[in-house]
C-alpha atoms as a PDB file:
ATOM      1  CA  MET A   1      33.404 -59.208  -0.711  1.00  0.00           C
ATOM      2  CA  THR A   2      31.691 -61.361  -3.167  1.00  0.00           C
ATOM      3  CA  ALA A   3      32.911 -60.282  -6.884  1.00  0.00           C
ATOM      4  CA  ILE A   4      30.720 -59.706  -9.420  1.00  0.00           C
ATOM      5  CA  PRO A   5      29.920 -62.133 -11.652  1.00  0.00           C
ATOM      6  CA  SER A   6      31.673 -62.488 -15.356  1.00  0.00           C
ATOM      7  CA  ILE A   7      30.400 -62.785 -18.489  1.00  0.00           C
ATOM      8  CA  ALA A   8      31.693 -64.720 -21.131  1.00  0.00           C
ATOM      9  CA  ILE A   9      30.963 -63.310 -24.749  1.00  0.00           C
ATOM     10  CA  ILE A  10      31.191 -65.353 -27.958  1.00  0.00           C
ATOM     11  CA  GLY A  11      31.691 -63.128 -30.911  1.00  0.00           C
ATOM     12  CA  ALA A  12      33.207 -59.447 -31.547  1.00  0.00           C
ATOM     13  CA  GLY A  13      30.738 -58.131 -33.878  1.00  0.00           C
ATOM     14  CA  LEU A  14      28.607 -55.102 -32.954  1.00  0.00           C
ATOM     15  CA  SER A  15      26.035 -56.807 -30.761  1.00  0.00           C
ATOM     16  CA  GLY A  16      28.686 -58.568 -28.896  1.00  0.00           C
ATOM     17  CA  LEU A  17      30.494 -55.503 -27.891  1.00  0.00           C
ATOM     18  CA  ALA A  18      27.500 -53.316 -27.477  1.00  0.00           C
ATOM     19  CA  CYS A  19      26.693 -56.216 -24.592  1.00  0.00           C
ATOM     20  CA  ALA A  20      30.075 -55.725 -23.204  1.00  0.00           C
ATOM     21  CA  GLN A  21      29.669 -52.106 -22.945  1.00  0.00           C
ATOM     22  CA  ALA A  22      26.355 -52.568 -21.081  1.00  0.00           C
ATOM     23  CA  LEU A  23      27.368 -54.634 -18.804  1.00  0.00           C
ATOM     24  CA  ALA A  24      30.288 -52.255 -18.206  1.00  0.00           C
ATOM     25  CA  ASP A  25      27.845 -49.599 -17.353  1.00  0.00           C
ATOM     26  CA  HIS A  26      26.571 -51.811 -14.668  1.00  0.00           C
ATOM     27  CA  ASP A  27      30.069 -52.698 -13.425  1.00  0.00           C
ATOM     28  CA  ILE A  28      29.928 -56.187 -14.504  1.00  0.00           C
ATOM     29  CA  SER A  29      32.946 -57.754 -16.261  1.00  0.00           C
ATOM     30  CA  SER A  30      33.040 -59.374 -19.454  1.00  0.00           C
ATOM     31  CA  GLU A  31      35.395 -61.580 -21.543  1.00  0.00           C
ATOM     32  CA  VAL A  32      34.887 -61.445 -25.034  1.00  0.00           C
ATOM     33  CA  PHE A  33      36.182 -63.899 -27.327  1.00  0.00           C
ATOM     34  CA  ASP A  34      36.271 -63.673 -31.686  1.00  0.00           C
ATOM     35  CA  LYS A  35      38.178 -66.152 -34.398  1.00  0.00           C
ATOM     36  CA  GLY A  36      39.187 -62.780 -35.996  1.00  0.00           C
ATOM     37  CA  ARG A  37      42.238 -60.933 -35.391  1.00  0.00           C
ATOM     38  CA  GLY A  38      40.126 -58.052 -34.016  1.00  0.00           C
ATOM     39  CA  PRO A  39      36.830 -57.040 -33.385  1.00  0.00           C
ATOM     40  CA  GLY A  40      34.388 -55.594 -36.129  1.00  0.00           C
ATOM     41  CA  GLY A  41      32.473 -58.902 -37.559  1.00  0.00           C
ATOM     42  CA  ARG A  42      30.576 -58.012 -40.522  1.00  0.00           C
ATOM     43  CA  MET A  43      31.710 -54.232 -39.907  1.00  0.00           C
ATOM     44  CA  THR A  44      34.657 -55.357 -40.963  1.00  0.00           C
ATOM     45  CA  SER A  45      37.777 -53.081 -43.444  1.00  0.00           C
ATOM     46  CA  ARG A  46      40.327 -54.303 -45.330  1.00  0.00           C
ATOM     47  CA  ARG A  47      43.851 -51.663 -45.220  1.00  0.00           C
ATOM     48  CA  LEU A  48      45.602 -52.399 -48.645  1.00  0.00           C
ATOM     49  CA  PRO A  49      48.376 -50.643 -50.775  1.00  0.00           C
ATOM     50  CA  GLY A  50      47.184 -46.796 -50.888  1.00  0.00           C
ATOM     51  CA  ALA A  51      43.289 -47.267 -49.573  1.00  0.00           C
ATOM     52  CA  VAL A  52      40.849 -49.011 -47.352  1.00  0.00           C
ATOM     53  CA  VAL A  53      38.301 -50.997 -48.241  1.00  0.00           C
ATOM     54  CA  ASP A  54      35.452 -51.666 -46.381  1.00  0.00           C
ATOM     55  CA  LEU A  55      34.042 -55.394 -46.984  1.00  0.00           C
ATOM     56  CA  GLY A  56      30.615 -55.831 -44.740  1.00  0.00           C
ATOM     57  CA  ALA A  57      28.368 -53.260 -44.219  1.00  0.00           C
ATOM     58  CA  GLN A  58      28.925 -50.023 -46.146  1.00  0.00           C
ATOM     59  CA  TYR A  59      26.502 -47.782 -43.832  1.00  0.00           C
ATOM     60  CA  PHE A  60      23.984 -47.850 -41.590  1.00  0.00           C
ATOM     61  CA  THR A  61      20.773 -46.451 -40.701  1.00  0.00           C
ATOM     62  CA  ALA A  62      19.375 -45.066 -37.530  1.00  0.00           C
ATOM     63  CA  ARG A  63      15.298 -45.500 -36.976  1.00  0.00           C
ATOM     64  CA  GLU A  64      14.475 -46.354 -33.258  1.00  0.00           C
ATOM     65  CA  SER A  65      14.942 -43.094 -30.842  1.00  0.00           C
ATOM     66  CA  ARG A  66      17.415 -45.225 -28.553  1.00  0.00           C
ATOM     67  CA  PHE A  67      19.981 -46.025 -31.531  1.00  0.00           C
ATOM     68  CA  SER A  68      19.252 -42.609 -32.728  1.00  0.00           C
ATOM     69  CA  GLU A  69      20.279 -41.298 -29.505  1.00  0.00           C
ATOM     70  CA  GLN A  70      23.518 -43.575 -29.460  1.00  0.00           C
ATOM     71  CA  VAL A  71      24.290 -42.508 -32.949  1.00  0.00           C
ATOM     72  CA  ALA A  72      24.345 -38.826 -32.088  1.00  0.00           C
ATOM     73  CA  VAL A  73      26.765 -39.877 -28.947  1.00  0.00           C
ATOM     74  CA  TRP A  74      29.390 -41.079 -31.409  1.00  0.00           C
ATOM     75  CA  ARG A  75      28.952 -38.464 -34.346  1.00  0.00           C
ATOM     76  CA  LYS A  76      29.884 -36.257 -31.546  1.00  0.00           C
ATOM     77  CA  ALA A  77      32.931 -38.130 -30.891  1.00  0.00           C
ATOM     78  CA  GLY A  78      34.163 -38.226 -34.673  1.00  0.00           C
ATOM     79  CA  LEU A  79      32.740 -41.573 -34.919  1.00  0.00           C
ATOM     80  CA  VAL A  80      30.579 -41.657 -37.602  1.00  0.00           C
ATOM     81  CA  ALA A  81      29.561 -38.844 -40.103  1.00  0.00           C
ATOM     82  CA  PRO A  82      26.394 -39.014 -42.890  1.00  0.00           C
ATOM     83  CA  TRP A  83      27.232 -41.030 -45.653  1.00  0.00           C
ATOM     84  CA  PRO A  84      26.162 -41.445 -48.988  1.00  0.00           C
ATOM     85  CA  GLN A  85      25.149 -38.233 -49.362  1.00  0.00           C
ATOM     86  CA  ARG A  86      25.057 -38.562 -53.182  1.00  0.00           C
ATOM     87  CA  LEU A  87      23.441 -41.581 -53.792  1.00  0.00           C
ATOM     88  CA  TRP A  88      22.806 -43.211 -57.633  1.00  0.00           C
ATOM     89  CA  ARG A  89      20.887 -46.275 -58.792  1.00  0.00           C
ATOM     90  CA  VAL A  90      21.769 -48.468 -61.741  1.00  0.00           C
ATOM     91  CA  GLU A  91      19.109 -49.507 -64.002  1.00  0.00           C
ATOM     92  CA  ALA A  92      18.821 -51.553 -67.260  1.00  0.00           C
ATOM     93  CA  ASP A  93      18.343 -48.343 -68.882  1.00  0.00           C
ATOM     94  CA  GLY A  94      21.380 -46.716 -66.821  1.00  0.00           C
ATOM     95  CA  TRP A  95      22.224 -44.274 -63.880  1.00  0.00           C
ATOM     96  CA  GLN A  96      19.677 -42.477 -62.052  1.00  0.00           C
ATOM     97  CA  PRO A  97      19.609 -40.415 -58.694  1.00  0.00           C
ATOM     98  CA  HIS A  98      18.604 -41.866 -55.773  1.00  0.00           C
ATOM     99  CA  HIS A  99      16.992 -40.193 -53.572  1.00  0.00           C
ATOM    100  CA  ASP A 100      14.844 -40.415 -50.324  1.00  0.00           C
ATOM    101  CA  ASP A 101      14.593 -39.026 -46.557  1.00  0.00           C
ATOM    102  CA  GLN A 102      16.751 -41.648 -44.698  1.00  0.00           C
ATOM    103  CA  THR A 103      20.155 -40.668 -43.533  1.00  0.00           C
ATOM    104  CA  ARG A 104      22.652 -43.044 -43.844  1.00  0.00           C
ATOM    105  CA  TYR A 105      26.333 -43.087 -41.674  1.00  0.00           C
ATOM    106  CA  SER A 106      29.784 -44.988 -42.162  1.00  0.00           C
ATOM    107  CA  ALA A 107      32.173 -44.997 -39.571  1.00  0.00           C
ATOM    108  CA  ALA A 108      35.291 -42.609 -39.853  1.00  0.00           C
ATOM    109  CA  PRO A 109      38.022 -43.114 -40.838  1.00  0.00           C
ATOM    110  CA  ARG A 110      36.554 -46.629 -41.767  1.00  0.00           C
ATOM    111  CA  MET A 111      33.686 -49.250 -40.639  1.00  0.00           C
ATOM    112  CA  SER A 112      35.746 -51.231 -38.430  1.00  0.00           C
ATOM    113  CA  ALA A 113      37.176 -47.978 -36.269  1.00  0.00           C
ATOM    114  CA  LEU A 114      33.383 -48.452 -34.534  1.00  0.00           C
ATOM    115  CA  THR A 115      33.870 -51.340 -33.189  1.00  0.00           C
ATOM    116  CA  ARG A 116      37.559 -50.893 -32.187  1.00  0.00           C
ATOM    117  CA  SER A 117      36.310 -47.702 -30.440  1.00  0.00           C
ATOM    118  CA  LEU A 118      33.807 -50.097 -28.607  1.00  0.00           C
ATOM    119  CA  ALA A 119      36.082 -52.711 -27.776  1.00  0.00           C
ATOM    120  CA  GLU A 120      38.610 -50.419 -25.982  1.00  0.00           C
ATOM    121  CA  GLY A 121      38.839 -51.590 -22.107  1.00  0.00           C
ATOM    122  CA  VAL A 122      37.150 -54.732 -23.212  1.00  0.00           C
ATOM    123  CA  ASP A 123      38.689 -58.160 -22.400  1.00  0.00           C
ATOM    124  CA  LEU A 124      39.121 -60.026 -25.713  1.00  0.00           C
ATOM    125  CA  HIS A 125      40.589 -62.782 -26.665  1.00  0.00           C
ATOM    126  CA  ALA A 126      41.185 -62.554 -30.254  1.00  0.00           C
ATOM    127  CA  GLN A 127      42.072 -65.457 -32.776  1.00  0.00           C
ATOM    128  CA  THR A 128      40.394 -67.655 -30.364  1.00  0.00           C
ATOM    129  CA  ARG A 129      37.835 -70.236 -31.786  1.00  0.00           C
ATOM    130  CA  ILE A 130      35.192 -71.173 -28.644  1.00  0.00           C
ATOM    131  CA  THR A 131      34.138 -74.581 -29.985  1.00  0.00           C
ATOM    132  CA  GLY A 132      32.383 -75.912 -26.968  1.00  0.00           C
ATOM    133  CA  LEU A 133      30.118 -74.935 -24.204  1.00  0.00           C
ATOM    134  CA  GLN A 134      30.112 -76.852 -20.595  1.00  0.00           C
ATOM    135  CA  GLN A 135      28.697 -76.490 -17.587  1.00  0.00           C
ATOM    136  CA  ARG A 136      30.144 -77.404 -13.936  1.00  0.00           C
ATOM    137  CA  ALA A 137      29.737 -76.951 -10.373  1.00  0.00           C
ATOM    138  CA  ASP A 138      31.040 -73.638 -10.683  1.00  0.00           C
ATOM    139  CA  GLY A 139      29.672 -72.312 -13.310  1.00  0.00           C
ATOM    140  CA  TRP A 140      29.886 -72.428 -17.456  1.00  0.00           C
ATOM    141  CA  TRP A 141      33.367 -73.163 -19.311  1.00  0.00           C
ATOM    142  CA  LEU A 142      34.140 -72.718 -23.144  1.00  0.00           C
ATOM    143  CA  ALA A 143      36.417 -74.702 -24.776  1.00  0.00           C
ATOM    144  CA  ASP A 144      38.598 -73.547 -27.671  1.00  0.00           C
ATOM    145  CA  ASP A 145      40.233 -75.158 -30.983  1.00  0.00           C
ATOM    146  CA  ALA A 146      43.709 -74.900 -28.953  1.00  0.00           C
ATOM    147  CA  GLY A 147      42.713 -77.336 -26.401  1.00  0.00           C
ATOM    148  CA  ARG A 148      42.016 -74.503 -23.446  1.00  0.00           C
ATOM    149  CA  ASP A 149      39.596 -74.454 -21.080  1.00  0.00           C
ATOM    150  CA  HIS A 150      37.988 -70.974 -20.521  1.00  0.00           C
ATOM    151  CA  GLY A 151      36.176 -70.162 -17.408  1.00  0.00           C
ATOM    152  CA  PRO A 152      34.063 -70.205 -15.103  1.00  0.00           C
ATOM    153  CA  TYR A 153      31.390 -67.741 -16.183  1.00  0.00           C
ATOM    154  CA  ALA A 154      27.926 -67.052 -14.733  1.00  0.00           C
ATOM    155  CA  ARG A 155      26.546 -66.802 -17.911  1.00  0.00           C
ATOM    156  CA  VAL A 156      27.216 -67.025 -21.480  1.00  0.00           C
ATOM    157  CA  VAL A 157      26.279 -64.779 -24.569  1.00  0.00           C
ATOM    158  CA  VAL A 158      26.451 -66.156 -27.925  1.00  0.00           C
ATOM    159  CA  THR A 159      26.396 -63.769 -30.981  1.00  0.00           C
ATOM    160  CA  VAL A 160      28.306 -65.398 -33.817  1.00  0.00           C
ATOM    161  CA  PRO A 161      25.962 -66.109 -37.186  1.00  0.00           C
ATOM    162  CA  THR A 162      23.046 -68.602 -36.043  1.00  0.00           C
ATOM    163  CA  PRO A 163      24.621 -71.554 -38.030  1.00  0.00           C
ATOM    164  CA  GLN A 164      27.849 -71.455 -35.842  1.00  0.00           C
ATOM    165  CA  ALA A 165      25.681 -70.577 -32.697  1.00  0.00           C
ATOM    166  CA  GLU A 166      23.221 -73.981 -33.297  1.00  0.00           C
ATOM    167  CA  PRO A 167      25.637 -76.555 -32.268  1.00  0.00           C
ATOM    168  CA  LEU A 168      27.380 -74.089 -29.231  1.00  0.00           C
ATOM    169  CA  VAL A 169      23.793 -74.254 -27.939  1.00  0.00           C
ATOM    170  CA  ALA A 170      22.024 -77.275 -28.847  1.00  0.00           C
ATOM    171  CA  PRO A 171      23.885 -80.074 -26.208  1.00  0.00           C
ATOM    172  CA  HIS A 172      22.178 -77.398 -23.427  1.00  0.00           C
ATOM    173  CA  ASP A 173      18.932 -76.038 -24.728  1.00  0.00           C
ATOM    174  CA  PRO A 174      17.013 -77.721 -27.336  1.00  0.00           C
ATOM    175  CA  ALA A 175      14.858 -73.938 -27.654  1.00  0.00           C
ATOM    176  CA  LEU A 176      17.621 -71.833 -28.176  1.00  0.00           C
ATOM    177  CA  ALA A 177      19.129 -74.408 -30.939  1.00  0.00           C
ATOM    178  CA  ALA A 178      15.525 -73.879 -32.728  1.00  0.00           C
ATOM    179  CA  ASP A 179      15.511 -70.621 -33.069  1.00  0.00           C
ATOM    180  CA  CYS A 180      19.306 -70.578 -34.874  1.00  0.00           C
ATOM    181  CA  LEU A 181      17.539 -73.737 -37.201  1.00  0.00           C
ATOM    182  CA  ALA A 182      14.530 -71.262 -38.238  1.00  0.00           C
ATOM    183  CA  ILE A 183      17.028 -68.822 -39.350  1.00  0.00           C
ATOM    184  CA  VAL A 184      18.249 -68.997 -43.163  1.00  0.00           C
ATOM    185  CA  GLN A 185      21.454 -66.953 -43.435  1.00  0.00           C
ATOM    186  CA  GLN A 186      22.301 -65.433 -46.804  1.00  0.00           C
ATOM    187  CA  PRO A 187      26.031 -65.305 -48.180  1.00  0.00           C
ATOM    188  CA  CYS A 188      27.337 -62.503 -50.223  1.00  0.00           C
ATOM    189  CA  TRP A 189      30.489 -62.010 -52.136  1.00  0.00           C
ATOM    190  CA  ALA A 190      32.758 -58.551 -51.772  1.00  0.00           C
ATOM    191  CA  GLY A 191      34.629 -57.505 -53.813  1.00  0.00           C
ATOM    192  CA  TYR A 192      37.259 -54.471 -54.249  1.00  0.00           C
ATOM    193  CA  ALA A 193      39.374 -52.682 -56.471  1.00  0.00           C
ATOM    194  CA  VAL A 194      41.939 -50.455 -55.916  1.00  0.00           C
ATOM    195  CA  PHE A 195      42.763 -47.934 -58.996  1.00  0.00           C
ATOM    196  CA  ASP A 196      45.920 -45.515 -59.875  1.00  0.00           C
ATOM    197  CA  GLU A 197      43.729 -42.881 -61.119  1.00  0.00           C
ATOM    198  CA  PRO A 198      39.849 -41.708 -60.677  1.00  0.00           C
ATOM    199  CA  LEU A 199      37.284 -43.032 -62.668  1.00  0.00           C
ATOM    200  CA  PRO A 200      36.153 -41.002 -65.845  1.00  0.00           C
ATOM    201  CA  GLU A 201      33.365 -38.765 -65.162  1.00  0.00           C
ATOM    202  CA  LEU A 202      29.666 -39.935 -66.397  1.00  0.00           C
ATOM    203  CA  PRO A 203      27.845 -37.075 -68.091  1.00  0.00           C
ATOM    204  CA  GLY A 204      24.712 -36.494 -66.326  1.00  0.00           C
ATOM    205  CA  VAL A 205      26.001 -37.756 -62.758  1.00  0.00           C
ATOM    206  CA  ASP A 206      27.560 -36.321 -60.208  1.00  0.00           C
ATOM    207  CA  ALA A 207      31.549 -36.304 -61.007  1.00  0.00           C
ATOM    208  CA  ASP A 208      31.768 -37.418 -56.836  1.00  0.00           C
ATOM    209  CA  TRP A 209      29.120 -39.252 -56.887  1.00  0.00           C
ATOM    210  CA  GLN A 210      29.636 -41.771 -53.679  1.00  0.00           C
ATOM    211  CA  ALA A 211      27.733 -45.131 -54.001  1.00  0.00           C
ATOM    212  CA  ALA A 212      24.905 -46.533 -56.173  1.00  0.00           C
ATOM    213  CA  PHE A 213      22.383 -49.185 -55.766  1.00  0.00           C
ATOM    214  CA  VAL A 214      22.195 -51.574 -58.651  1.00  0.00           C
ATOM    215  CA  ASN A 215      19.147 -53.123 -59.890  1.00  0.00           C
ATOM    216  CA  VAL A 216      20.745 -55.320 -62.534  1.00  0.00           C
ATOM    217  CA  GLY A 217      23.097 -57.988 -63.119  1.00  0.00           C
ATOM    218  CA  PRO A 218      25.137 -59.927 -60.266  1.00  0.00           C
ATOM    219  CA  LEU A 219      25.868 -56.327 -58.508  1.00  0.00           C
ATOM    220  CA  SER A 220      23.633 -55.283 -55.897  1.00  0.00           C
ATOM    221  CA  MET A 221      25.992 -52.285 -55.083  1.00  0.00           C
ATOM    222  CA  VAL A 222      28.674 -50.370 -55.580  1.00  0.00           C
ATOM    223  CA  SER A 223      30.561 -47.853 -52.987  1.00  0.00           C
ATOM    224  CA  ARG A 224      33.666 -45.564 -53.604  1.00  0.00           C
ATOM    225  CA  ASN A 225      35.330 -46.021 -50.516  1.00  0.00           C
ATOM    226  CA  ASP A 226      37.831 -42.494 -50.978  1.00  0.00           C
ATOM    227  CA  THR A 227      34.608 -40.417 -50.767  1.00  0.00           C
ATOM    228  CA  LYS A 228      33.804 -41.799 -46.963  1.00  0.00           C
ATOM    229  CA  PRO A 229      34.458 -40.067 -44.074  1.00  0.00           C
ATOM    230  CA  GLY A 230      38.502 -39.501 -43.005  1.00  0.00           C
ATOM    231  CA  ARG A 231      39.648 -41.497 -46.659  1.00  0.00           C
ATOM    232  CA  GLN A 232      39.677 -38.519 -48.978  1.00  0.00           C
ATOM    233  CA  ALA A 233      43.099 -38.814 -49.410  1.00  0.00           C
ATOM    234  CA  GLN A 234      43.304 -42.418 -50.360  1.00  0.00           C
ATOM    235  CA  ASP A 235      43.604 -43.852 -53.913  1.00  0.00           C
ATOM    236  CA  GLU A 236      40.383 -44.514 -55.713  1.00  0.00           C
ATOM    237  CA  SER A 237      38.969 -47.547 -54.874  1.00  0.00           C
ATOM    238  CA  LEU A 238      35.577 -49.412 -55.029  1.00  0.00           C
ATOM    239  CA  THR A 239      33.663 -52.112 -52.873  1.00  0.00           C
ATOM    240  CA  LEU A 240      31.728 -54.355 -55.086  1.00  0.00           C
ATOM    241  CA  LEU A 241      28.860 -56.275 -53.716  1.00  0.00           C
ATOM    242  CA  ALA A 242      27.008 -59.443 -54.999  1.00  0.00           C
ATOM    243  CA  SER A 243      23.463 -59.819 -55.171  1.00  0.00           C
ATOM    244  CA  HIS A 244      22.089 -62.679 -53.283  1.00  0.00           C
ATOM    245  CA  GLU A 245      21.554 -64.215 -56.212  1.00  0.00           C
ATOM    246  CA  ALA A 246      24.882 -64.606 -57.565  1.00  0.00           C
ATOM    247  CA  SER A 247      26.560 -64.989 -54.104  1.00  0.00           C
ATOM    248  CA  ALA A 248      24.702 -68.159 -53.767  1.00  0.00           C
ATOM    249  CA  ALA A 249      25.358 -69.270 -56.976  1.00  0.00           C
ATOM    250  CA  TRP A 250      29.505 -68.592 -56.717  1.00  0.00           C
ATOM    251  CA  LEU A 251      29.647 -69.710 -52.942  1.00  0.00           C
ATOM    252  CA  GLU A 252      31.983 -72.160 -53.572  1.00  0.00           C
ATOM    253  CA  ASP A 253      34.274 -70.672 -56.526  1.00  0.00           C
ATOM    254  CA  ASP A 254      37.658 -69.162 -56.110  1.00  0.00           C
ATOM    255  CA  ALA A 255      37.356 -65.652 -55.087  1.00  0.00           C
ATOM    256  CA  ASP A 256      39.988 -64.540 -57.457  1.00  0.00           C
ATOM    257  CA  ALA A 257      37.756 -65.761 -60.529  1.00  0.00           C
ATOM    258  CA  VAL A 258      34.511 -63.749 -58.400  1.00  0.00           C
ATOM    259  CA  ALA A 259      36.373 -60.734 -58.159  1.00  0.00           C
ATOM    260  CA  GLU A 260      37.023 -60.394 -61.850  1.00  0.00           C
ATOM    261  CA  ARG A 261      33.475 -61.206 -62.401  1.00  0.00           C
ATOM    262  CA  LEU A 262      32.551 -58.536 -60.137  1.00  0.00           C
ATOM    263  CA  PHE A 263      34.274 -55.544 -61.680  1.00  0.00           C
ATOM    264  CA  SER A 264      33.443 -56.926 -65.390  1.00  0.00           C
ATOM    265  CA  ALA A 265      30.196 -56.533 -64.243  1.00  0.00           C
ATOM    266  CA  PHE A 266      30.515 -53.081 -62.804  1.00  0.00           C
ATOM    267  CA  GLU A 267      32.830 -52.377 -66.072  1.00  0.00           C
ATOM    268  CA  SER A 268      29.827 -53.146 -68.112  1.00  0.00           C
ATOM    269  CA  LEU A 269      27.780 -50.987 -66.061  1.00  0.00           C
ATOM    270  CA  TYR A 270      29.887 -47.603 -66.754  1.00  0.00           C
ATOM    271  CA  PRO A 271      29.641 -46.248 -70.016  1.00  0.00           C
ATOM    272  CA  ARG A 272      33.168 -44.538 -69.836  1.00  0.00           C
ATOM    273  CA  PRO A 273      36.197 -46.812 -70.638  1.00  0.00           C
ATOM    274  CA  LEU A 274      37.789 -47.653 -66.782  1.00  0.00           C
ATOM    275  CA  PRO A 275      41.368 -47.416 -65.610  1.00  0.00           C
ATOM    276  CA  LYS A 276      42.830 -50.573 -65.182  1.00  0.00           C
ATOM    277  CA  PRO A 277      42.671 -51.681 -61.709  1.00  0.00           C
ATOM    278  CA  ARG A 278      45.988 -51.665 -59.700  1.00  0.00           C
ATOM    279  CA  LEU A 279      44.393 -54.654 -57.319  1.00  0.00           C
ATOM    280  CA  ILE A 280      41.504 -56.599 -57.285  1.00  0.00           C
ATOM    281  CA  GLY A 281      39.985 -59.114 -54.717  1.00  0.00           C
ATOM    282  CA  ALA A 282      36.964 -60.464 -53.067  1.00  0.00           C
ATOM    283  CA  HIS A 283      35.805 -61.737 -49.274  1.00  0.00           C
ATOM    284  CA  ARG A 284      33.155 -64.211 -49.402  1.00  0.00           C
ATOM    285  CA  TRP A 285      30.808 -64.105 -46.238  1.00  0.00           C
ATOM    286  CA  ARG A 286      28.843 -67.447 -46.146  1.00  0.00           C
ATOM    287  CA  TYR A 287      26.596 -65.852 -43.242  1.00  0.00           C
ATOM    288  CA  ALA A 288      25.807 -62.269 -44.444  1.00  0.00           C
ATOM    289  CA  LYS A 289      22.289 -61.212 -43.742  1.00  0.00           C
ATOM    290  CA  PRO A 290      19.491 -63.065 -41.746  1.00  0.00           C
ATOM    291  CA  CYS A 291      16.278 -64.329 -43.030  1.00  0.00           C
ATOM    292  CA  GLY A 292      13.775 -66.221 -40.752  1.00  0.00           C
ATOM    293  CA  PRO A 293      11.072 -66.143 -38.107  1.00  0.00           C
ATOM    294  CA  ALA A 294      12.938 -65.740 -35.062  1.00  0.00           C
ATOM    295  CA  THR A 295      12.761 -62.131 -35.252  1.00  0.00           C
ATOM    296  CA  GLY A 296       9.947 -60.569 -32.623  1.00  0.00           C
ATOM    297  CA  GLY A 297      10.001 -60.367 -28.740  1.00  0.00           C
ATOM    298  CA  PRO A 298      12.490 -58.649 -27.177  1.00  0.00           C
ATOM    299  CA  GLY A 299      15.105 -58.914 -29.864  1.00  0.00           C
ATOM    300  CA  TYR A 300      17.378 -61.680 -28.035  1.00  0.00           C
ATOM    301  CA  ARG A 301      16.729 -65.053 -26.603  1.00  0.00           C
ATOM    302  CA  LEU A 302      17.730 -65.843 -22.627  1.00  0.00           C
ATOM    303  CA  SER A 303      18.067 -69.584 -21.316  1.00  0.00           C
ATOM    304  CA  ALA A 304      16.979 -69.845 -17.535  1.00  0.00           C
ATOM    305  CA  ARG A 305      20.227 -72.150 -17.549  1.00  0.00           C
ATOM    306  CA  GLY A 306      22.164 -69.148 -18.308  1.00  0.00           C
ATOM    307  CA  ILE A 307      23.065 -69.179 -22.087  1.00  0.00           C
ATOM    308  CA  ALA A 308      21.581 -66.093 -24.151  1.00  0.00           C
ATOM    309  CA  LEU A 309      21.342 -65.464 -27.962  1.00  0.00           C
ATOM    310  CA  CYS A 310      21.414 -61.780 -29.192  1.00  0.00           C
ATOM    311  CA  GLY A 311      22.443 -60.092 -33.024  1.00  0.00           C
ATOM    312  CA  ASP A 312      20.469 -58.792 -35.881  1.00  0.00           C
ATOM    313  CA  ALA A 313      18.934 -62.242 -36.548  1.00  0.00           C
ATOM    314  CA  LEU A 314      16.756 -61.977 -33.854  1.00  0.00           C
ATOM    315  CA  ARG A 315      16.023 -58.143 -33.499  1.00  0.00           C
ATOM    316  CA  SER A 316      16.469 -56.736 -37.351  1.00  0.00           C
ATOM    317  CA  SER A 317      18.637 -57.448 -39.938  1.00  0.00           C
ATOM    318  CA  ARG A 318      20.371 -54.377 -39.755  1.00  0.00           C
ATOM    319  CA  ILE A 319      23.493 -52.729 -37.698  1.00  0.00           C
ATOM    320  CA  GLU A 320      20.999 -51.071 -35.650  1.00  0.00           C
ATOM    321  CA  GLY A 321      19.256 -54.221 -34.839  1.00  0.00           C
ATOM    322  CA  ALA A 322      22.369 -55.621 -34.129  1.00  0.00           C
ATOM    323  CA  TRP A 323      23.490 -52.896 -31.524  1.00  0.00           C
ATOM    324  CA  LEU A 324      19.578 -53.119 -30.176  1.00  0.00           C
ATOM    325  CA  SER A 325      20.075 -56.581 -29.449  1.00  0.00           C
ATOM    326  CA  GLY A 326      23.312 -56.912 -27.589  1.00  0.00           C
ATOM    327  CA  HIS A 327      22.488 -53.252 -25.840  1.00  0.00           C
ATOM    328  CA  ASP A 328      18.962 -54.648 -24.640  1.00  0.00           C
ATOM    329  CA  LEU A 329      20.649 -58.293 -23.425  1.00  0.00           C
ATOM    330  CA  GLY A 330      23.395 -56.726 -21.567  1.00  0.00           C
ATOM    331  CA  GLN A 331      20.956 -54.255 -19.587  1.00  0.00           C
ATOM    332  CA  THR A 332      18.617 -57.438 -18.915  1.00  0.00           C
ATOM    333  CA  LEU A 333      21.890 -59.404 -17.348  1.00  0.00           C
ATOM    334  CA  ALA A 334      23.088 -56.103 -15.502  1.00  0.00           C
ATOM    335  CA  ALA A 335      19.182 -56.157 -13.783  1.00  0.00           C
ATOM    336  CA  GLU A 336      19.368 -60.063 -13.482  1.00  0.00           C
ATOM    337  CA  ILE A 337      22.117 -60.308 -11.864  1.00  0.00           C
ATOM    338  CA  GLY A 338      22.320 -56.976  -9.692  1.00  0.00           C
ATOM    339  CA  SER A 339      18.565 -58.837  -8.647  1.00  0.00           C
END
């Protein structure tokens, strides 16, 4: 009996794991490779003394029916819950409540818990940076930065940010490379601060406010990690996301210096003295938000040579877009292989 072909997936973020799950639903094996210590991508969380902080996506929305159905499954399993529900907006003239009709969700007890759940049962090669692809007579082979070869595979799915995907696909498919080059990836600095005591209450603002969009200065959003589902027992902690403009201007700056700037920016917007943070830091996302003309079509790219691209850059720059891109590509590959 001929074995069902295996698919190599480069990148263990949401799109790569959604693709692997869709393939598994059709009994098609896959192996996932990621340079990090575990799955997550931009849904990464960091465990600190006394607190867990989300460093990438703070929440996600569900607008398309198929993703809404998947979110309902996750909610039933206790993997996600609505958050934030007490949302504010910081303008030059002060704090204002933010109201809209959009339901937002956070994973529990941290954002990376969702991708870790999706990775259960997946053949994941962590801390393995793929540096090149080669097509041989028996299929596709992957080379990593430790000099090891992995293969053969019937197809290769590349889900890493497009500037990292381009050098992998360019030697084999100029059209896929052109799609990668057409997408601009904006950076983002994510700062964090952990406190020994709660933040002082603000007059006229919910005492238990959960997050705030910031429309002044170098910040774009502030979230209180200890208000997220499953984290009420942890210490007061903030995630401080920089604006695209500040992130680009500070791109090569020292992380400690950026952390100090982000905290000072929040301090200047908080009309009460803040407690001294026990711990502050910052993480740089060089490729955080895709912008460009390569969206449209089915939400992924599939070459006749057996290389595919998927991710939010090819669908929409949201968690929803990443899942739909990977899921739909997995379904397409399963149908192609099955036929």
